[in-house]
PDB file of all heavy atoms in Angstrom:
ATOM      1  N   ALA A   1      93.452 120.014 103.280  1.00  0.00           N
ATOM      2  CA  ALA A   1      92.845 119.091 104.231  1.00  0.00           C
ATOM      3  C   ALA A   1      91.474 119.557 104.643  1.00  0.00           C
ATOM      4  O   ALA A   1      91.227 120.743 104.775  1.00  0.00           O
ATOM      5  CB  ALA A   1      93.730 118.969 105.479  1.00  0.00           C
ATOM      6  N   LEU A   2      90.571 118.590 104.771  1.00  0.00           N
ATOM      7  CA  LEU A   2      89.275 118.844 105.359  1.00  0.00           C
ATOM      8  C   LEU A   2      89.297 118.197 106.732  1.00  0.00           C
ATOM      9  O   LEU A   2      89.473 117.004 106.843  1.00  0.00           O
ATOM     10  CB  LEU A   2      88.173 118.210 104.520  1.00  0.00           C
ATOM     11  CG  LEU A   2      86.803 118.120 105.191  1.00  0.00           C
ATOM     12  CD1 LEU A   2      86.181 119.500 105.256  1.00  0.00           C
ATOM     13  CD2 LEU A   2      85.916 117.171 104.474  1.00  0.00           C
ATOM     14  N   VAL A   3      89.183 118.963 107.771  1.00  0.00           N
ATOM     15  CA  VAL A   3      89.243 118.411 109.113  1.00  0.00           C
ATOM     16  C   VAL A   3      87.836 118.309 109.660  1.00  0.00           C
ATOM     17  O   VAL A   3      87.143 119.303 109.797  1.00  0.00           O
ATOM     18  CB  VAL A   3      90.096 119.290 110.047  1.00  0.00           C
ATOM     19  CG1 VAL A   3      90.169 118.664 111.428  1.00  0.00           C
ATOM     20  CG2 VAL A   3      91.478 119.473 109.465  1.00  0.00           C
ATOM     21  N   LEU A   4      87.426 117.070 109.950  1.00  0.00           N
ATOM     22  CA  LEU A   4      86.125 116.825 110.547  1.00  0.00           C
ATOM     23  C   LEU A   4      86.377 116.632 112.028  1.00  0.00           C
ATOM     24  O   LEU A   4      86.444 115.517 112.526  1.00  0.00           O
ATOM     25  CB  LEU A   4      85.492 115.587 109.913  1.00  0.00           C
ATOM     26  CG  LEU A   4      85.348 115.671 108.394  1.00  0.00           C
ATOM     27  CD1 LEU A   4      85.042 114.306 107.822  1.00  0.00           C
ATOM     28  CD2 LEU A   4      84.283 116.664 108.014  1.00  0.00           C
ATOM     29  N   ALA A   5      86.594 117.747 112.748  1.00  0.00           N
ATOM     30  CA  ALA A   5      87.031 117.678 114.130  1.00  0.00           C
ATOM     31  C   ALA A   5      85.956 118.185 115.054  1.00  0.00           C
ATOM     32  O   ALA A   5      85.154 119.027 114.705  1.00  0.00           O
ATOM     33  CB  ALA A   5      88.291 118.524 114.318  1.00  0.00           C
ATOM     34  N   SER A   6      85.944 117.672 116.272  1.00  0.00           N
ATOM     35  CA  SER A   6      84.950 118.077 117.246  1.00  0.00           C
ATOM     36  C   SER A   6      85.231 119.489 117.717  1.00  0.00           C
ATOM     37  O   SER A   6      86.369 119.892 117.892  1.00  0.00           O
ATOM     38  CB  SER A   6      84.975 117.126 118.433  1.00  0.00           C
ATOM     39  OG  SER A   6      84.071 117.558 119.415  1.00  0.00           O
ATOM     40  N   THR A   7      84.163 120.263 117.935  1.00  0.00           N
ATOM     41  CA  THR A   7      84.325 121.609 118.442  1.00  0.00           C
ATOM     42  C   THR A   7      84.421 121.617 119.953  1.00  0.00           C
ATOM     43  O   THR A   7      84.581 122.654 120.565  1.00  0.00           O
ATOM     44  CB  THR A   7      83.131 122.478 118.004  1.00  0.00           C
ATOM     45  OG1 THR A   7      81.913 121.861 118.450  1.00  0.00           O
ATOM     46  CG2 THR A   7      83.103 122.617 116.490  1.00  0.00           C
ATOM     47  N   ALA A   8      84.306 120.474 120.570  1.00  0.00           N
ATOM     48  CA  ALA A   8      84.430 120.358 122.019  1.00  0.00           C
ATOM     49  C   ALA A   8      85.286 119.152 122.332  1.00  0.00           C
ATOM     50  O   ALA A   8      85.499 118.285 121.501  1.00  0.00           O
ATOM     51  CB  ALA A   8      83.052 120.196 122.654  1.00  0.00           C
ATOM     52  N   VAL A   9      85.821 119.118 123.519  1.00  0.00           N
ATOM     53  CA  VAL A   9      86.647 117.992 123.941  1.00  0.00           C
ATOM     54  C   VAL A   9      85.798 116.729 123.955  1.00  0.00           C
ATOM     55  O   VAL A   9      84.634 116.751 124.354  1.00  0.00           O
ATOM     56  CB  VAL A   9      87.226 118.257 125.345  1.00  0.00           C
ATOM     57  CG1 VAL A   9      88.056 117.062 125.810  1.00  0.00           C
ATOM     58  CG2 VAL A   9      88.069 119.517 125.337  1.00  0.00           C
ATOM     59  N   HIS A  10      86.386 115.600 123.503  1.00  0.00           N
ATOM     60  CA  HIS A  10      85.653 114.338 123.484  1.00  0.00           C
ATOM     61  C   HIS A  10      85.537 113.777 124.902  1.00  0.00           C
ATOM     62  O   HIS A  10      86.133 112.750 125.237  1.00  0.00           O
ATOM     63  CB  HIS A  10      86.363 113.325 122.581  1.00  0.00           C
ATOM     64  CG  HIS A  10      86.257 113.616 121.134  1.00  0.00           C
ATOM     65  ND1 HIS A  10      87.221 114.298 120.428  1.00  0.00           N
ATOM     66  CD2 HIS A  10      85.271 113.363 120.250  1.00  0.00           C
ATOM     67  CE1 HIS A  10      86.850 114.417 119.175  1.00  0.00           C
ATOM     68  NE2 HIS A  10      85.664 113.867 119.037  1.00  0.00           N
ATOM     69  N   ALA A  11      84.752 114.469 125.703  1.00  0.00           N
ATOM     70  CA  ALA A  11      84.623 114.058 127.095  1.00  0.00           C
ATOM     71  C   ALA A  11      83.638 112.912 127.270  1.00  0.00           C
ATOM     72  O   ALA A  11      83.689 112.171 128.243  1.00  0.00           O
ATOM     73  CB  ALA A  11      84.192 115.246 127.951  1.00  0.00           C
ATOM     74  N   ALA A  12      82.725 112.784 126.303  1.00  0.00           N
ATOM     75  CA  ALA A  12      81.646 111.810 126.471  1.00  0.00           C
ATOM     76  C   ALA A  12      81.963 110.447 125.883  1.00  0.00           C
ATOM     77  O   ALA A  12      81.179 109.526 126.027  1.00  0.00           O
ATOM     78  CB  ALA A  12      80.368 112.356 125.840  1.00  0.00           C
ATOM     79  N   CYS A  13      83.098 110.302 125.207  1.00  0.00           N
ATOM     80  CA  CYS A  13      83.416 109.014 124.602  1.00  0.00           C
ATOM     81  C   CYS A  13      84.930 108.816 124.544  1.00  0.00           C
ATOM     82  O   CYS A  13      85.703 109.753 124.677  1.00  0.00           O
ATOM     83  CB  CYS A  13      82.815 108.915 123.198  1.00  0.00           C
ATOM     84  SG  CYS A  13      83.380 110.176 122.038  1.00  0.00           S
ATOM     85  N   THR A  14      85.303 107.572 124.345  1.00  0.00           N
ATOM     86  CA  THR A  14      86.723 107.209 124.267  1.00  0.00           C
ATOM     87  C   THR A  14      87.050 106.820 122.829  1.00  0.00           C
ATOM     88  O   THR A  14      86.337 106.000 122.236  1.00  0.00           O
ATOM     89  CB  THR A  14      87.033 106.021 125.191  1.00  0.00           C
ATOM     90  OG1 THR A  14      86.695 106.378 126.533  1.00  0.00           O
ATOM     91  CG2 THR A  14      88.503 105.637 125.106  1.00  0.00           C
ATOM     92  N   PRO A  15      88.093 107.383 122.230  1.00  0.00           N
ATOM     93  CA  PRO A  15      88.453 107.027 120.856  1.00  0.00           C
ATOM     94  C   PRO A  15      88.615 105.525 120.676  1.00  0.00           C
ATOM     95  O   PRO A  15      89.203 104.841 121.522  1.00  0.00           O
ATOM     96  CB  PRO A  15      89.778 107.766 120.634  1.00  0.00           C
ATOM     97  CG  PRO A  15      89.694 108.940 121.564  1.00  0.00           C
ATOM     98  CD  PRO A  15      88.988 108.430 122.781  1.00  0.00           C
ATOM     99  N   ALA A  16      88.078 105.009 119.579  1.00  0.00           N
ATOM    100  CA  ALA A  16      88.134 103.570 119.308  1.00  0.00           C
ATOM    101  C   ALA A  16      89.499 103.135 118.799  1.00  0.00           C
ATOM    102  O   ALA A  16      89.784 101.942 118.750  1.00  0.00           O
ATOM    103  CB  ALA A  16      87.055 103.210 118.292  1.00  0.00           C
ATOM    104  N   ILE A  17      90.349 104.096 118.398  1.00  0.00           N
ATOM    105  CA  ILE A  17      91.691 103.802 117.909  1.00  0.00           C
ATOM    106  C   ILE A  17      92.696 104.558 118.774  1.00  0.00           C
ATOM    107  O   ILE A  17      92.580 105.775 118.936  1.00  0.00           O
ATOM    108  CB  ILE A  17      91.851 104.206 116.434  1.00  0.00           C
ATOM    109  CG1 ILE A  17      90.818 103.491 115.562  1.00  0.00           C
ATOM    110  CG2 ILE A  17      93.258 103.884 115.932  1.00  0.00           C
ATOM    111  CD1 ILE A  17      90.772 103.995 114.125  1.00  0.00           C
ATOM    112  N   THR A  18      93.663 103.868 119.321  1.00  0.00           N
ATOM    113  CA  THR A  18      94.650 104.510 120.190  1.00  0.00           C
ATOM    114  C   THR A  18      95.698 105.249 119.361  1.00  0.00           C
ATOM    115  O   THR A  18      95.921 104.947 118.185  1.00  0.00           O
ATOM    116  CB  THR A  18      95.346 103.477 121.075  1.00  0.00           C
ATOM    117  OG1 THR A  18      96.035 102.533 120.231  1.00  0.00           O
ATOM    118  CG2 THR A  18      94.341 102.732 121.950  1.00  0.00           C
ATOM    119  N   ASP A  19      96.345 106.207 119.985  1.00  0.00           N
ATOM    120  CA  ASP A  19      97.351 107.023 119.296  1.00  0.00           C
ATOM    121  C   ASP A  19      98.478 106.193 118.702  1.00  0.00           C
ATOM    122  O   ASP A  19      99.050 106.561 117.659  1.00  0.00           O
ATOM    123  CB  ASP A  19      97.928 108.058 120.253  1.00  0.00           C
ATOM    124  CG  ASP A  19      96.962 109.179 120.564  1.00  0.00           C
ATOM    125  OD1 ASP A  19      95.924 109.280 119.876  1.00  0.00           O
ATOM    126  OD2 ASP A  19      97.230 109.963 121.498  1.00  0.00           O
ATOM    127  N   GLY A  20      98.804 105.073 119.332  1.00  0.00           N
ATOM    128  CA  GLY A  20      99.894 104.238 118.848  1.00  0.00           C
ATOM    129  C   GLY A  20      99.632 103.641 117.480  1.00  0.00           C
ATOM    130  O   GLY A  20     100.566 103.191 116.805  1.00  0.00           O
ATOM    131  N   ASN A  21      98.379 103.628 117.061  1.00  0.00           N
ATOM    132  CA  ASN A  21      98.013 103.077 115.754  1.00  0.00           C
ATOM    133  C   ASN A  21      97.772 104.156 114.700  1.00  0.00           C
ATOM    134  O   ASN A  21      97.392 103.843 113.567  1.00  0.00           O
ATOM    135  CB  ASN A  21      96.756 102.213 115.881  1.00  0.00           C
ATOM    136  CG  ASN A  21      97.023 100.940 116.650  1.00  0.00           C
ATOM    137  OD1 ASN A  21      97.857 100.126 116.258  1.00  0.00           O
ATOM    138  ND2 ASN A  21      96.323 100.758 117.761  1.00  0.00           N
ATOM    139  N   LEU A  22      98.016 105.414 115.054  1.00  0.00           N
ATOM    140  CA  LEU A  22      97.760 106.540 114.159  1.00  0.00           C
ATOM    141  C   LEU A  22      99.048 107.253 113.786  1.00  0.00           C
ATOM    142  O   LEU A  22     100.019 107.254 114.546  1.00  0.00           O
ATOM    143  CB  LEU A  22      96.807 107.530 114.827  1.00  0.00           C
ATOM    144  CG  LEU A  22      95.417 106.992 115.194  1.00  0.00           C
ATOM    145  CD1 LEU A  22      94.687 107.988 116.081  1.00  0.00           C
ATOM    146  CD2 LEU A  22      94.615 106.711 113.924  1.00  0.00           C
ATOM    147  N   ILE A  23      99.057 107.888 112.618  1.00  0.00           N
ATOM    148  CA  ILE A  23     100.214 108.660 112.193  1.00  0.00           C
ATOM    149  C   ILE A  23     100.431 109.849 113.110  1.00  0.00           C
ATOM    150  O   ILE A  23     101.558 110.144 113.525  1.00  0.00           O
ATOM    151  CB  ILE A  23     100.033 109.153 110.739  1.00  0.00           C
ATOM    152  CG1 ILE A  23      99.971 107.977 109.771  1.00  0.00           C
ATOM    153  CG2 ILE A  23     101.159 110.104 110.345  1.00  0.00           C
ATOM    154  CD1 ILE A  23     101.222 107.132 109.736  1.00  0.00           C
ATOM    155  N   ALA A  24      99.363 110.550 113.422  1.00  0.00           N
ATOM    156  CA  ALA A  24      99.419 111.694 114.329  1.00  0.00           C
ATOM    157  C   ALA A  24      98.449 111.443 115.479  1.00  0.00           C
ATOM    158  O   ALA A  24      97.335 110.952 115.254  1.00  0.00           O
ATOM    159  CB  ALA A  24      99.061 112.976 113.602  1.00  0.00           C
ATOM    160  N   PRO A  25      98.832 111.763 116.714  1.00  0.00           N
ATOM    161  CA  PRO A  25      97.969 111.499 117.853  1.00  0.00           C
ATOM    162  C   PRO A  25      96.611 112.191 117.737  1.00  0.00           C
ATOM    163  O   PRO A  25      96.516 113.335 117.313  1.00  0.00           O
ATOM    164  CB  PRO A  25      98.760 112.068 119.040  1.00  0.00           C
ATOM    165  CG  PRO A  25     100.174 112.114 118.570  1.00  0.00           C
ATOM    166  CD  PRO A  25     100.106 112.387 117.113  1.00  0.00           C
ATOM    167  N   GLY A  26      95.575 111.456 118.074  1.00  0.00           N
ATOM    168  CA  GLY A  26      94.256 112.057 118.226  1.00  0.00           C
ATOM    169  C   GLY A  26      93.483 112.367 116.971  1.00  0.00           C
ATOM    170  O   GLY A  26      92.444 113.024 117.034  1.00  0.00           O
ATOM    171  N   LYS A  27      93.925 111.876 115.800  1.00  0.00           N
ATOM    172  CA  LYS A  27      93.156 112.105 114.582  1.00  0.00           C
ATOM    173  C   LYS A  27      93.472 111.040 113.538  1.00  0.00           C
ATOM    174  O   LYS A  27      94.580 110.486 113.502  1.00  0.00           O
ATOM    175  CB  LYS A  27      93.427 113.493 114.006  1.00  0.00           C
ATOM    176  CG  LYS A  27      94.863 113.735 113.576  1.00  0.00           C
ATOM    177  CD  LYS A  27      95.033 115.160 113.046  1.00  0.00           C
ATOM    178  CE  LYS A  27      96.478 115.447 112.661  1.00  0.00           C
ATOM    179  NZ  LYS A  27      96.647 116.832 112.155  1.00  0.00           N
ATOM    180  N   LEU A  28      92.485 110.774 112.694  1.00  0.00           N
ATOM    181  CA  LEU A  28      92.621 109.811 111.606  1.00  0.00           C
ATOM    182  C   LEU A  28      92.759 110.599 110.305  1.00  0.00           C
ATOM    183  O   LEU A  28      91.870 111.355 109.930  1.00  0.00           O
ATOM    184  CB  LEU A  28      91.388 108.909 111.553  1.00  0.00           C
ATOM    185  CG  LEU A  28      91.348 107.844 110.447  1.00  0.00           C
ATOM    186  CD1 LEU A  28      92.451 106.807 110.661  1.00  0.00           C
ATOM    187  CD2 LEU A  28      89.980 107.165 110.425  1.00  0.00           C
TER     188      LEU A  28
END
């Protein structure tokens, strides 16, 4: 896996896709 993840908490924005629509919470 290549993880393109933020090195800081996403405090400045709200994810455009909610966890209920993802296989695993908080990541695509």
